[in-house]
Amino acid sequence: MNLQQRKWLFLVLLSLVWGSSYILIKKALLGFDPISLGALRITFSAVLLLMIGFSSLKKIKKNQWKYIFYTAFLGTFFPVFLFSFAVQEIDSAIASMLNSFTPFNTFILGIVVFGFGFKKKQFIGILLGLIGTSILILKGADMNPNQNYWFSLFAILATFGYAMNVNIVKKHLADLDALAIITGNFLMMLPPAIVVLYFSGFFSTFTGDEMQMDSLLYVVILAIFGTGIAKVLYTKLVQISTPVFASSVTYLMPLVGIFWGFLDGEKLSILQLFAGFIIMFGVYLVNKAK
């Protein structure tokens, strides 16, 4: 398999896995609060990755550990909690569409923080993304008055973390093995995740009833596939492609997220679907003019 084929294979696999993550978060929240869910997800992922990739940590050079720290907390730790809070209040399909903001933020931070240039088409793409997101949120709030669409800001904030992560990996960790990066990330996140889990009250409130056990199963699936394995694939994709191409996984994720949301009874208007199209077209312009 040549490099181009590997890039697209990773992109499709990640779209399927991460596009399914939002409905899994929604189901897991039936038994746990967002804080417990986030801490459990990180803890399970960390245990899995340390079992698999502990020996790869020796590949990390001393001067690379600070970038491992940045990518750990910006690219995984805080976004995991932010999306948990977002999905608690808004539909999972909407959350998956809001994740499409990642390529825009990757582009913006690439210019502001990392000194990359830009073209007119990319600026137009950013504007389209903002318009599409505004329509998506405002119409969602109108259709679902029982949902607090201010929490959509948590999802958008998480995409800034993803964007910083992808730019840091490309600029400072491109020559480091993907498994070593992710294992190093979760090694750093495990202690604070356990502390958060303890103070969340999980151990005193977990009763092991049917709902909680079902939610625990969803968390385990999220941890293994949506966090652990997917993070390794994504880091590898960043290394063999460009930051913007890698973040373009958000092209396909909303389609998967909408599919699961539809099966779960979530409602989307034609206007919201159109808004999603506007966002993805904006992402296309940003990528096309890279």
Protein backbone atom coordinates (compact mmCIF):
# COMPACT_ATOMS: atom_id res chain seq x y z
CA MET A 1 0.00 0.00 0.00
CA ASN A 2 1.53 3.33 -1.04
CA LEU A 3 1.60 6.48 1.07
CA GLN A 4 -1.42 8.09 -0.61
CA GLN A 5 -3.56 4.98 -0.08
CA ARG A 6 -2.51 4.77 3.58
CA LYS A 7 -3.47 8.41 4.12
CA TRP A 8 -6.99 7.87 2.80
CA LEU A 9 -7.40 4.54 4.62
CA PHE A 10 -6.51 6.19 7.93
CA LEU A 11 -8.87 9.08 7.14
CA VAL A 12 -11.85 6.79 6.46
CA LEU A 13 -11.20 4.58 9.50
CA LEU A 14 -10.91 7.59 11.77
CA SER A 15 -14.11 9.07 10.36
CA LEU A 16 -16.02 5.89 11.17
CA VAL A 17 -14.55 5.57 14.68
CA TRP A 18 -14.75 9.21 15.74
CA GLY A 19 -18.07 9.77 13.99
CA SER A 20 -19.50 7.03 16.21
CA SER A 21 -17.96 8.50 19.38
CA TYR A 22 -20.67 11.09 19.94
CA ILE A 23 -23.53 8.61 20.21
CA LEU A 24 -21.36 6.51 22.54
CA ILE A 25 -20.77 9.59 24.73
CA LYS A 26 -24.51 10.24 24.75
CA LYS A 27 -25.25 6.67 25.87
CA ALA A 28 -22.47 6.68 28.48
CA LEU A 29 -23.90 9.88 29.99
CA LEU A 30 -27.07 7.99 30.92
CA GLY A 31 -25.13 6.36 33.76
CA PHE A 32 -22.35 8.86 34.51
CA ASP A 33 -21.87 12.60 34.77
CA PRO A 34 -19.49 14.33 32.30
CA ILE A 35 -16.61 14.55 34.80
CA SER A 36 -16.73 10.84 35.70
CA LEU A 37 -17.15 9.89 32.05
CA GLY A 38 -14.13 11.92 30.94
CA ALA A 39 -11.92 10.62 33.74
CA LEU A 40 -12.95 7.00 33.14
CA ARG A 41 -12.35 7.32 29.40
CA ILE A 42 -8.83 8.64 29.92
CA THR A 43 -8.01 6.10 32.64
CA PHE A 44 -9.09 3.09 30.58
CA SER A 45 -7.26 4.40 27.51
CA ALA A 46 -4.10 5.03 29.53
CA VAL A 47 -4.05 1.51 30.97
CA LEU A 48 -4.54 0.02 27.49
CA LEU A 49 -1.84 2.11 25.85
CA LEU A 50 0.70 1.62 28.65
CA MET A 51 0.21 -2.15 28.32
CA ILE A 52 0.76 -1.97 24.56
CA GLY A 53 3.24 0.85 24.12
CA PHE A 54 5.25 1.23 27.33
CA SER A 55 8.47 0.10 25.65
CA SER A 56 8.05 2.83 23.00
CA LEU A 57 8.52 5.56 25.63
CA LYS A 58 12.29 5.16 25.40
CA LYS A 59 12.10 6.67 21.91
CA ILE A 60 11.04 10.02 23.34
CA LYS A 61 13.97 12.42 23.69
CA LYS A 62 14.31 14.66 26.74
CA ASN A 63 13.58 17.84 24.78
CA GLN A 64 10.40 16.30 23.30
CA TRP A 65 8.62 15.69 26.59
CA LYS A 66 7.34 19.25 26.84
CA TYR A 67 5.57 18.82 23.48
CA ILE A 68 4.20 15.48 24.67
CA PHE A 69 2.76 17.39 27.64
CA TYR A 70 1.21 20.10 25.44
CA THR A 71 -0.39 17.60 23.06
CA ALA A 72 -1.66 15.46 25.95
CA PHE A 73 -3.68 18.17 27.61
CA LEU A 74 -4.61 20.32 24.61
CA GLY A 75 -5.36 17.45 22.23
CA THR A 76 -7.01 14.93 24.56
CA PHE A 77 -7.46 15.72 28.26
CA PHE A 78 -9.50 18.93 28.09
CA PRO A 79 -11.42 18.08 24.86
CA VAL A 80 -12.62 14.79 26.37
CA PHE A 81 -14.33 16.66 29.21
CA LEU A 82 -15.52 19.53 27.01
CA PHE A 83 -17.31 17.23 24.57
CA SER A 84 -18.84 15.27 27.44
CA PHE A 85 -20.41 18.48 28.76
CA ALA A 86 -21.52 19.50 25.26
CA VAL A 87 -23.23 16.19 24.42
CA GLN A 88 -25.02 16.25 27.78
CA GLU A 89 -26.93 19.33 26.60
CA ILE A 90 -27.10 19.12 22.78
CA ASP A 91 -27.76 16.33 20.27
CA SER A 92 -24.85 14.05 19.42
CA ALA A 93 -25.31 14.72 15.68
CA ILE A 94 -24.91 18.47 16.27
CA ALA A 95 -21.77 17.87 18.32
CA SER A 96 -20.27 15.83 15.48
CA MET A 97 -21.01 18.66 13.03
CA LEU A 98 -19.48 21.28 15.34
CA ASN A 99 -16.30 19.24 15.37
CA SER A 100 -15.93 20.36 11.75
CA PHE A 101 -14.50 23.56 13.20
CA THR A 102 -11.19 21.74 13.75
CA PRO A 103 -9.74 22.41 10.25
CA PHE A 104 -10.63 26.10 10.53
CA ASN A 105 -8.89 26.41 13.86
CA THR A 106 -5.94 24.38 12.58
CA PHE A 107 -5.61 26.90 9.77
CA ILE A 108 -6.09 29.97 11.99
CA LEU A 109 -3.61 28.79 14.64
CA GLY A 110 -1.20 27.77 11.89
CA ILE A 111 -1.13 31.41 10.78
CA VAL A 112 -1.22 33.14 14.17
CA VAL A 113 0.97 30.81 16.24
CA PHE A 114 3.11 28.91 13.74
CA GLY A 115 3.59 31.59 11.08
CA PHE A 116 2.03 29.82 8.08
CA GLY A 117 0.77 31.88 5.12
CA PHE A 118 -2.80 31.92 3.81
CA LYS A 119 -4.77 32.58 0.64
CA LYS A 120 -8.02 34.39 -0.15
CA LYS A 121 -9.98 31.14 -0.66
CA GLN A 122 -9.00 29.99 2.80
CA PHE A 123 -10.31 33.21 4.34
CA ILE A 124 -13.60 32.74 2.46
CA GLY A 125 -13.74 29.18 3.78
CA ILE A 126 -13.37 30.46 7.34
CA LEU A 127 -16.26 32.89 6.86
CA LEU A 128 -18.48 30.15 5.42
CA GLY A 129 -17.66 27.95 8.40
CA LEU A 130 -18.68 30.71 10.82
CA ILE A 131 -21.95 31.29 8.93
CA GLY A 132 -22.76 27.57 8.83
CA THR A 133 -21.98 27.12 12.53
CA SER A 134 -24.15 30.11 13.49
CA ILE A 135 -27.11 28.70 11.52
CA LEU A 136 -26.57 25.25 13.01
CA ILE A 137 -26.56 26.51 16.58
CA LEU A 138 -29.38 29.06 16.27
CA LYS A 139 -31.73 26.65 14.47
CA GLY A 140 -30.90 23.89 16.94
CA ALA A 141 -31.74 26.17 19.86
CA ASP A 142 -35.04 27.07 18.17
CA MET A 143 -35.99 23.43 17.48
CA ASN A 144 -34.93 22.16 20.90
CA PRO A 145 -35.87 24.75 23.54
CA ASN A 146 -35.24 22.12 26.23
CA GLN A 147 -31.56 21.96 25.21
CA ASN A 148 -28.96 24.52 26.26
CA TYR A 149 -27.13 25.43 23.06
CA TRP A 150 -24.66 27.61 24.92
CA PHE A 151 -22.95 24.30 25.62
CA SER A 152 -22.07 24.09 21.93
CA LEU A 153 -19.30 26.54 22.82
CA PHE A 154 -17.64 23.71 24.77
CA ALA A 155 -17.45 21.69 21.56
CA ILE A 156 -15.99 24.63 19.62
CA LEU A 157 -13.45 25.28 22.39
CA ALA A 158 -12.39 21.62 22.22
CA THR A 159 -11.64 22.01 18.51
CA PHE A 160 -9.07 24.68 19.36
CA GLY A 161 -7.30 22.08 21.48
CA TYR A 162 -7.39 19.61 18.60
CA ALA A 163 -6.01 22.27 16.28
CA MET A 164 -3.10 23.11 18.60
CA ASN A 165 -2.36 19.41 18.94
CA VAL A 166 -2.14 18.75 15.21
CA ASN A 167 0.11 21.75 14.59
CA ILE A 168 2.46 20.85 17.47
CA VAL A 169 2.73 17.23 16.34
CA LYS A 170 3.52 18.27 12.78
CA LYS A 171 6.09 20.89 13.74
CA HIS A 172 7.83 19.30 16.73
CA LEU A 173 7.05 15.57 16.83
CA ALA A 174 6.89 14.56 13.16
CA ASP A 175 9.92 12.27 13.48
CA LEU A 176 8.70 10.46 16.60
CA ASP A 177 6.86 7.13 16.52
CA ALA A 178 3.07 7.69 16.78
CA LEU A 179 2.62 5.02 19.48
CA ALA A 180 5.36 6.65 21.57
CA ILE A 181 3.63 10.04 21.34
CA ILE A 182 0.23 8.73 22.40
CA THR A 183 1.61 6.46 25.11
CA GLY A 184 3.58 9.43 26.48
CA ASN A 185 0.40 11.53 26.35
CA PHE A 186 -1.59 9.07 28.41
CA LEU A 187 1.24 8.45 30.86
CA MET A 188 1.04 12.15 31.71
CA MET A 189 -2.77 12.20 31.82
CA LEU A 190 -3.27 9.10 33.98
CA PRO A 191 -2.44 10.65 37.41
CA PRO A 192 -4.69 13.72 37.00
CA ALA A 193 -7.45 11.53 35.52
CA ILE A 194 -7.40 9.28 38.60
CA VAL A 195 -7.48 12.34 40.88
CA VAL A 196 -10.43 13.79 38.96
CA LEU A 197 -12.22 10.43 39.05
CA TYR A 198 -11.76 10.20 42.82
CA PHE A 199 -13.06 13.71 43.52
CA SER A 200 -15.94 13.28 41.05
CA GLY A 201 -17.58 10.97 43.56
CA PHE A 202 -17.55 8.02 41.15
CA PHE A 203 -16.38 5.48 43.73
CA SER A 204 -19.08 6.46 46.23
CA THR A 205 -21.94 6.62 43.70
CA PHE A 206 -21.16 3.60 41.51
CA THR A 207 -23.69 0.90 42.39
CA GLY A 208 -23.24 -1.44 39.45
CA ASP A 209 -26.88 -1.29 38.37
CA GLU A 210 -27.87 -2.18 34.82
CA MET A 211 -27.75 1.38 33.50
CA GLN A 212 -24.31 2.05 34.94
CA MET A 213 -22.93 -1.24 33.64
CA ASP A 214 -24.26 -0.45 30.16
CA SER A 215 -22.69 3.01 30.38
CA LEU A 216 -19.43 1.46 31.53
CA LEU A 217 -19.41 -0.75 28.42
CA TYR A 218 -19.85 2.34 26.22
CA VAL A 219 -16.95 4.02 28.04
CA VAL A 220 -14.70 1.00 27.47
CA ILE A 221 -15.55 1.01 23.74
CA LEU A 222 -14.85 4.75 23.63
CA ALA A 223 -11.55 4.30 25.43
CA ILE A 224 -10.27 1.43 23.28
CA PHE A 225 -11.41 2.59 19.86
CA GLY A 226 -12.43 6.25 20.06
CA THR A 227 -9.46 7.36 22.17
CA GLY A 228 -6.65 4.81 22.27
CA ILE A 229 -6.42 3.23 18.82
CA ALA A 230 -7.84 6.27 17.01
CA LYS A 231 -5.30 8.63 18.61
CA VAL A 232 -2.42 6.47 17.35
CA LEU A 233 -3.91 6.40 13.84
CA TYR A 234 -4.51 10.14 13.87
CA THR A 235 -1.00 10.97 15.02
CA LYS A 236 0.39 8.73 12.29
CA LEU A 237 -1.86 10.46 9.75
CA VAL A 238 -0.58 13.88 10.84
CA GLN A 239 2.99 12.68 10.37
CA ILE A 240 2.50 11.28 6.85
CA SER A 241 0.26 14.11 5.58
CA THR A 242 -0.38 17.77 6.45
CA PRO A 243 -2.12 19.18 9.54
CA VAL A 244 -5.07 20.42 7.47
CA PHE A 245 -5.46 17.11 5.59
CA ALA A 246 -5.42 15.21 8.88
CA SER A 247 -8.03 17.50 10.44
CA SER A 248 -10.19 16.93 7.36
CA VAL A 249 -11.41 13.77 9.05
CA THR A 250 -14.21 16.14 10.04
CA TYR A 251 -15.52 15.95 6.45
CA LEU A 252 -16.86 12.45 7.02
CA MET A 253 -17.40 12.39 10.78
CA PRO A 254 -20.65 14.42 10.66
CA LEU A 255 -22.15 11.95 8.18
CA VAL A 256 -21.49 9.10 10.60
CA GLY A 257 -22.67 11.18 13.57
CA ILE A 258 -25.89 12.18 11.80
CA PHE A 259 -26.55 8.54 10.89
CA TRP A 260 -26.30 7.39 14.52
CA GLY A 261 -28.29 10.39 15.73
CA PHE A 262 -31.08 9.61 13.26
CA LEU A 263 -31.22 6.00 14.48
CA ASP A 264 -31.45 7.29 18.05
CA GLY A 265 -34.40 9.54 17.26
CA GLU A 266 -32.62 12.89 17.03
CA LYS A 267 -34.18 15.46 14.71
CA LEU A 268 -32.39 17.62 12.17
CA SER A 269 -34.03 20.25 10.00
CA ILE A 270 -33.27 20.80 6.31
CA LEU A 271 -31.76 24.15 7.29
CA GLN A 272 -29.37 22.45 9.73
CA LEU A 273 -28.29 19.93 7.11
CA PHE A 274 -27.71 22.85 4.75
CA ALA A 275 -25.66 24.56 7.46
CA GLY A 276 -23.58 21.41 7.81
CA PHE A 277 -22.99 21.46 4.05
CA ILE A 278 -21.86 25.11 4.26
CA ILE A 279 -19.38 24.22 7.01
CA MET A 280 -17.93 21.31 5.05
CA PHE A 281 -17.70 23.40 1.88
CA GLY A 282 -15.78 25.97 3.89
CA VAL A 283 -13.44 23.21 5.08
CA TYR A 284 -13.02 22.18 1.44
CA LEU A 285 -11.97 25.71 0.44
CA VAL A 286 -9.47 25.86 3.30
CA ASN A 287 -7.95 22.56 2.21
CA LYS A 288 -8.06 23.22 -1.54
CA ALA A 289 -6.04 26.40 -1.23
CA LYS A 290 -3.49 25.06 1.27
